[in-house]
PDB file of all heavy atoms in Angstrom:
ATOM      1  N   LYS A   1      93.650  77.135  78.489  1.00  0.00           N
ATOM      2  CA  LYS A   1      94.563  78.167  78.018  1.00  0.00           C
ATOM      3  C   LYS A   1      94.513  79.381  78.937  1.00  0.00           C
ATOM      4  O   LYS A   1      95.545  79.963  79.280  1.00  0.00           O
ATOM      5  CB  LYS A   1      94.199  78.575  76.588  1.00  0.00           C
ATOM      6  CG  LYS A   1      95.127  79.640  75.998  1.00  0.00           C
ATOM      7  CD  LYS A   1      94.711  79.997  74.589  1.00  0.00           C
ATOM      8  CE  LYS A   1      95.681  81.018  73.998  1.00  0.00           C
ATOM      9  NZ  LYS A   1      95.788  82.239  74.791  1.00  0.00           N
ATOM     10  N   GLU A   2      93.298  79.761  79.342  1.00  0.00           N
ATOM     11  CA  GLU A   2      93.171  80.899  80.246  1.00  0.00           C
ATOM     12  C   GLU A   2      93.862  80.614  81.572  1.00  0.00           C
ATOM     13  O   GLU A   2      94.545  81.468  82.130  1.00  0.00           O
ATOM     14  CB  GLU A   2      91.692  81.226  80.487  1.00  0.00           C
ATOM     15  CG  GLU A   2      90.955  81.750  79.252  1.00  0.00           C
ATOM     16  CD  GLU A   2      91.282  83.198  78.969  1.00  0.00           C
ATOM     17  OE1 GLU A   2      91.940  83.826  79.811  1.00  0.00           O
ATOM     18  OE2 GLU A   2      90.894  83.691  77.905  1.00  0.00           O
ATOM     19  N   ARG A   3      93.696  79.408  82.091  1.00  0.00           N
ATOM     20  CA  ARG A   3      94.287  79.079  83.393  1.00  0.00           C
ATOM     21  C   ARG A   3      95.804  78.953  83.299  1.00  0.00           C
ATOM     22  O   ARG A   3      96.519  79.244  84.255  1.00  0.00           O
ATOM     23  CB  ARG A   3      93.678  77.789  83.939  1.00  0.00           C
ATOM     24  CG  ARG A   3      92.227  77.978  84.384  1.00  0.00           C
ATOM     25  CD  ARG A   3      91.804  76.867  85.316  1.00  0.00           C
ATOM     26  NE  ARG A   3      90.434  77.034  85.735  1.00  0.00           N
ATOM     27  CZ  ARG A   3      90.048  77.822  86.725  1.00  0.00           C
ATOM     28  NH1 ARG A   3      90.929  78.552  87.359  1.00  0.00           N
ATOM     29  NH2 ARG A   3      88.781  77.915  87.071  1.00  0.00           N
ATOM     30  N   GLU A   4      96.327  78.489  82.161  1.00  0.00           N
ATOM     31  CA  GLU A   4      97.776  78.433  82.005  1.00  0.00           C
ATOM     32  C   GLU A   4      98.363  79.837  82.055  1.00  0.00           C
ATOM     33  O   GLU A   4      99.377  80.084  82.696  1.00  0.00           O
ATOM     34  CB  GLU A   4      98.137  77.757  80.677  1.00  0.00           C
ATOM     35  CG  GLU A   4      97.905  76.249  80.683  1.00  0.00           C
ATOM     36  CD  GLU A   4      98.135  75.647  79.312  1.00  0.00           C
ATOM     37  OE1 GLU A   4      98.477  76.414  78.391  1.00  0.00           O
ATOM     38  OE2 GLU A   4      97.983  74.424  79.165  1.00  0.00           O
ATOM     39  N   ASP A   5      97.711  80.776  81.376  1.00  0.00           N
ATOM     40  CA  ASP A   5      98.178  82.150  81.423  1.00  0.00           C
ATOM     41  C   ASP A   5      98.004  82.733  82.814  1.00  0.00           C
ATOM     42  O   ASP A   5      98.787  83.569  83.262  1.00  0.00           O
ATOM     43  CB  ASP A   5      97.402  83.015  80.410  1.00  0.00           C
ATOM     44  CG  ASP A   5      97.657  82.567  78.980  1.00  0.00           C
ATOM     45  OD1 ASP A   5      98.686  81.896  78.767  1.00  0.00           O
ATOM     46  OD2 ASP A   5      96.829  82.860  78.102  1.00  0.00           O
ATOM     47  N   PHE A   6      96.975  82.276  83.519  1.00  0.00           N
ATOM     48  CA  PHE A   6      96.668  82.811  84.848  1.00  0.00           C
ATOM     49  C   PHE A   6      97.674  82.326  85.887  1.00  0.00           C
ATOM     50  O   PHE A   6      98.144  83.064  86.726  1.00  0.00           O
ATOM     51  CB  PHE A   6      95.259  82.381  85.247  1.00  0.00           C
ATOM     52  CG  PHE A   6      94.852  82.820  86.620  1.00  0.00           C
ATOM     53  CD1 PHE A   6      94.421  84.110  86.839  1.00  0.00           C
ATOM     54  CD2 PHE A   6      94.896  81.938  87.680  1.00  0.00           C
ATOM     55  CE1 PHE A   6      94.041  84.515  88.103  1.00  0.00           C
ATOM     56  CE2 PHE A   6      94.515  82.331  88.942  1.00  0.00           C
ATOM     57  CZ  PHE A   6      94.087  83.632  89.150  1.00  0.00           C
ATOM     58  N   ILE A   7      98.031  81.032  85.801  1.00  0.00           N
ATOM     59  CA  ILE A   7      98.886  80.433  86.817  1.00  0.00           C
ATOM     60  C   ILE A   7     100.358  80.514  86.440  1.00  0.00           C
ATOM     61  O   ILE A   7     101.204  80.889  87.230  1.00  0.00           O
ATOM     62  CB  ILE A   7      98.473  78.964  87.056  1.00  0.00           C
ATOM     63  CG1 ILE A   7      97.031  78.909  87.562  1.00  0.00           C
ATOM     64  CG2 ILE A   7      99.404  78.289  88.038  1.00  0.00           C
ATOM     65  CD1 ILE A   7      96.478  77.510  87.672  1.00  0.00           C
ATOM     66  N   GLY A   8     100.682  80.172  85.216  1.00  0.00           N
ATOM     67  CA  GLY A   8     102.080  80.050  84.837  1.00  0.00           C
ATOM     68  C   GLY A   8     102.603  81.195  84.015  1.00  0.00           C
ATOM     69  O   GLY A   8     103.435  80.991  83.134  1.00  0.00           O
ATOM     70  N   GLY A   9     102.110  82.378  84.238  1.00  0.00           N
ATOM     71  CA  GLY A   9     102.561  83.521  83.463  1.00  0.00           C
ATOM     72  C   GLY A   9     104.001  83.867  83.775  1.00  0.00           C
ATOM     73  O   GLY A   9     104.569  83.447  84.793  1.00  0.00           O
ATOM     74  N   PRO A  10     104.655  84.614  82.890  1.00  0.00           N
ATOM     75  CA  PRO A  10     106.046  84.970  83.117  1.00  0.00           C
ATOM     76  C   PRO A  10     106.187  85.854  84.338  1.00  0.00           C
ATOM     77  O   PRO A  10     105.401  86.764  84.571  1.00  0.00           O
ATOM     78  CB  PRO A  10     106.422  85.727  81.832  1.00  0.00           C
ATOM     79  CG  PRO A  10     105.124  86.238  81.304  1.00  0.00           C
ATOM     80  CD  PRO A  10     104.096  85.212  81.671  1.00  0.00           C
ATOM     81  N   GLY A  11     107.204  85.560  85.162  1.00  0.00           N
ATOM     82  CA  GLY A  11     107.453  86.358  86.339  1.00  0.00           C
ATOM     83  C   GLY A  11     108.227  87.616  85.988  1.00  0.00           C
ATOM     84  O   GLY A  11     108.607  87.857  84.843  1.00  0.00           O
ATOM     85  N   LYS A  12     108.461  88.428  86.983  1.00  0.00           N
ATOM     86  CA  LYS A  12     109.197  89.663  86.773  1.00  0.00           C
ATOM     87  C   LYS A  12     110.658  89.334  86.527  1.00  0.00           C
ATOM     88  O   LYS A  12     111.292  88.659  87.337  1.00  0.00           O
ATOM     89  CB  LYS A  12     109.050  90.570  88.002  1.00  0.00           C
ATOM     90  CG  LYS A  12     109.674  91.939  87.813  1.00  0.00           C
ATOM     91  CD  LYS A  12     109.442  92.797  89.039  1.00  0.00           C
ATOM     92  CE  LYS A  12     110.053  94.183  88.840  1.00  0.00           C
ATOM     93  NZ  LYS A  12     109.856  95.029  90.029  1.00  0.00           N
ATOM     94  N   PRO A  13     111.242  89.775  85.395  1.00  0.00           N
ATOM     95  CA  PRO A  13     112.626  89.420  85.103  1.00  0.00           C
ATOM     96  C   PRO A  13     113.585  90.092  86.067  1.00  0.00           C
ATOM     97  O   PRO A  13     113.347  91.199  86.545  1.00  0.00           O
ATOM     98  CB  PRO A  13     112.817  89.932  83.674  1.00  0.00           C
ATOM     99  CG  PRO A  13     111.822  91.030  83.530  1.00  0.00           C
ATOM    100  CD  PRO A  13     110.648  90.619  84.368  1.00  0.00           C
ATOM    101  N   ARG A  14     114.694  89.397  86.355  1.00  0.00           N
ATOM    102  CA  ARG A  14     115.726  89.963  87.213  1.00  0.00           C
ATOM    103  C   ARG A  14     116.451  91.053  86.441  1.00  0.00           C
ATOM    104  O   ARG A  14     116.816  90.863  85.283  1.00  0.00           O
ATOM    105  CB  ARG A  14     116.702  88.880  87.651  1.00  0.00           C
ATOM    106  CG  ARG A  14     117.642  89.316  88.772  1.00  0.00           C
ATOM    107  CD  ARG A  14     118.577  88.181  89.133  1.00  0.00           C
ATOM    108  NE  ARG A  14     119.369  88.497  90.303  1.00  0.00           N
ATOM    109  CZ  ARG A  14     118.993  88.249  91.542  1.00  0.00           C
ATOM    110  NH1 ARG A  14     117.819  87.696  91.753  1.00  0.00           N
ATOM    111  NH2 ARG A  14     119.761  88.545  92.567  1.00  0.00           N
ATOM    112  N   LYS A  15     116.678  92.163  87.048  1.00  0.00           N
ATOM    113  CA  LYS A  15     117.283  93.266  86.333  1.00  0.00           C
ATOM    114  C   LYS A  15     118.406  93.870  87.160  1.00  0.00           C
ATOM    115  O   LYS A  15     118.507  93.663  88.371  1.00  0.00           O
ATOM    116  CB  LYS A  15     116.238  94.336  86.026  1.00  0.00           C
ATOM    117  CG  LYS A  15     115.578  94.953  87.253  1.00  0.00           C
ATOM    118  CD  LYS A  15     114.535  95.964  86.842  1.00  0.00           C
ATOM    119  CE  LYS A  15     113.857  96.578  88.073  1.00  0.00           C
ATOM    120  NZ  LYS A  15     112.832  97.559  87.710  1.00  0.00           N
ATOM    121  N   LYS A  16     119.268  94.600  86.462  1.00  0.00           N
ATOM    122  CA  LYS A  16     120.375  95.300  87.087  1.00  0.00           C
ATOM    123  C   LYS A  16     120.287  96.766  86.716  1.00  0.00           C
ATOM    124  O   LYS A  16     119.966  97.098  85.580  1.00  0.00           O
ATOM    125  CB  LYS A  16     121.717  94.726  86.618  1.00  0.00           C
ATOM    126  CG  LYS A  16     121.881  93.240  86.901  1.00  0.00           C
ATOM    127  CD  LYS A  16     123.141  92.718  86.273  1.00  0.00           C
ATOM    128  CE  LYS A  16     123.249  91.207  86.441  1.00  0.00           C
ATOM    129  NZ  LYS A  16     124.442  90.659  85.778  1.00  0.00           N
ATOM    130  N   LYS A  17     120.591  97.611  87.670  1.00  0.00           N
ATOM    131  CA  LYS A  17     120.539  99.037  87.411  1.00  0.00           C
ATOM    132  C   LYS A  17     121.771  99.460  86.643  1.00  0.00           C
ATOM    133  O   LYS A  17     122.890  99.059  86.955  1.00  0.00           O
ATOM    134  CB  LYS A  17     120.435  99.810  88.723  1.00  0.00           C
ATOM    135  CG  LYS A  17     120.199 101.298  88.511  1.00  0.00           C
ATOM    136  CD  LYS A  17     119.983 102.000  89.838  1.00  0.00           C
ATOM    137  CE  LYS A  17     119.702 103.479  89.605  1.00  0.00           C
ATOM    138  NZ  LYS A  17     119.482 104.183  90.885  1.00  0.00           N
ATOM    139  N   LEU A  18     121.596 100.284  85.652  1.00  0.00           N
ATOM    140  CA  LEU A  18     122.663 100.756  84.783  1.00  0.00           C
ATOM    141  C   LEU A  18     122.848 102.236  85.009  1.00  0.00           C
ATOM    142  O   LEU A  18     121.938 103.030  84.776  1.00  0.00           O
ATOM    143  CB  LEU A  18     122.316 100.484  83.323  1.00  0.00           C
ATOM    144  CG  LEU A  18     123.366 100.851  82.287  1.00  0.00           C
ATOM    145  CD1 LEU A  18     124.615 100.022  82.490  1.00  0.00           C
ATOM    146  CD2 LEU A  18     122.819 100.639  80.890  1.00  0.00           C
ATOM    147  N   GLN A  19     124.031 102.626  85.503  1.00  0.00           N
ATOM    148  CA  GLN A  19     124.310 104.030  85.784  1.00  0.00           C
ATOM    149  C   GLN A  19     125.321 104.551  84.770  1.00  0.00           C
ATOM    150  O   GLN A  19     126.437 104.046  84.682  1.00  0.00           O
ATOM    151  CB  GLN A  19     124.859 104.197  87.198  1.00  0.00           C
ATOM    152  CG  GLN A  19     123.837 103.850  88.275  1.00  0.00           C
ATOM    153  CD  GLN A  19     124.386 104.041  89.668  1.00  0.00           C
ATOM    154  OE1 GLN A  19     125.584 104.130  89.846  1.00  0.00           O
ATOM    155  NE2 GLN A  19     123.497 104.103  90.642  1.00  0.00           N
ATOM    156  N   VAL A  20     124.920 105.549  84.016  1.00  0.00           N
ATOM    157  CA  VAL A  20     125.764 106.156  83.006  1.00  0.00           C
ATOM    158  C   VAL A  20     125.874 107.639  83.322  1.00  0.00           C
ATOM    159  O   VAL A  20     124.876 108.294  83.648  1.00  0.00           O
ATOM    160  CB  VAL A  20     125.174 105.948  81.589  1.00  0.00           C
ATOM    161  CG1 VAL A  20     126.099 106.544  80.539  1.00  0.00           C
ATOM    162  CG2 VAL A  20     124.947 104.476  81.326  1.00  0.00           C
ATOM    163  N   LEU A  21     127.094 108.169  83.244  1.00  0.00           N
ATOM    164  CA  LEU A  21     127.286 109.585  83.548  1.00  0.00           C
ATOM    165  C   LEU A  21     126.499 110.452  82.584  1.00  0.00           C
ATOM    166  O   LEU A  21     126.363 110.105  81.401  1.00  0.00           O
ATOM    167  CB  LEU A  21     128.772 109.936  83.469  1.00  0.00           C
ATOM    168  CG  LEU A  21     129.659 109.297  84.544  1.00  0.00           C
ATOM    169  CD1 LEU A  21     131.101 109.676  84.304  1.00  0.00           C
ATOM    170  CD2 LEU A  21     129.217 109.724  85.934  1.00  0.00           C
ATOM    171  N   PRO A  22     125.988 111.592  83.046  1.00  0.00           N
ATOM    172  CA  PRO A  22     125.225 112.476  82.153  1.00  0.00           C
ATOM    173  C   PRO A  22     126.051 112.889  80.942  1.00  0.00           C
ATOM    174  O   PRO A  22     127.207 113.275  81.067  1.00  0.00           O
ATOM    175  CB  PRO A  22     124.896 113.683  83.043  1.00  0.00           C
ATOM    176  CG  PRO A  22     124.950 113.140  84.426  1.00  0.00           C
ATOM    177  CD  PRO A  22     126.006 112.094  84.419  1.00  0.00           C
ATOM    178  N   GLY A  23     125.458 112.822  79.774  1.00  0.00           N
ATOM    179  CA  GLY A  23     126.131 113.168  78.536  1.00  0.00           C
ATOM    180  C   GLY A  23     126.719 111.988  77.801  1.00  0.00           C
ATOM    181  O   GLY A  23     127.009 112.079  76.610  1.00  0.00           O
ATOM    182  N   ASN A  24     126.934 110.850  78.496  1.00  0.00           N
ATOM    183  CA  ASN A  24     127.467 109.655  77.855  1.00  0.00           C
ATOM    184  C   ASN A  24     126.328 108.779  77.358  1.00  0.00           C
ATOM    185  O   ASN A  24     125.199 108.875  77.831  1.00  0.00           O
ATOM    186  CB  ASN A  24     128.342 108.863  78.832  1.00  0.00           C
ATOM    187  CG  ASN A  24     129.626 109.601  79.155  1.00  0.00           C
ATOM    188  OD1 ASN A  24     130.070 110.441  78.375  1.00  0.00           O
ATOM    189  ND2 ASN A  24     130.200 109.300  80.309  1.00  0.00           N
TER     190      ASN A  24
END
């Protein structure tokens, strides 16, 4: 169990930057 978490842990999710005008 420790090695599964060590080797196959979740990777960094792909993300998109969200730009919202100030005040919105």
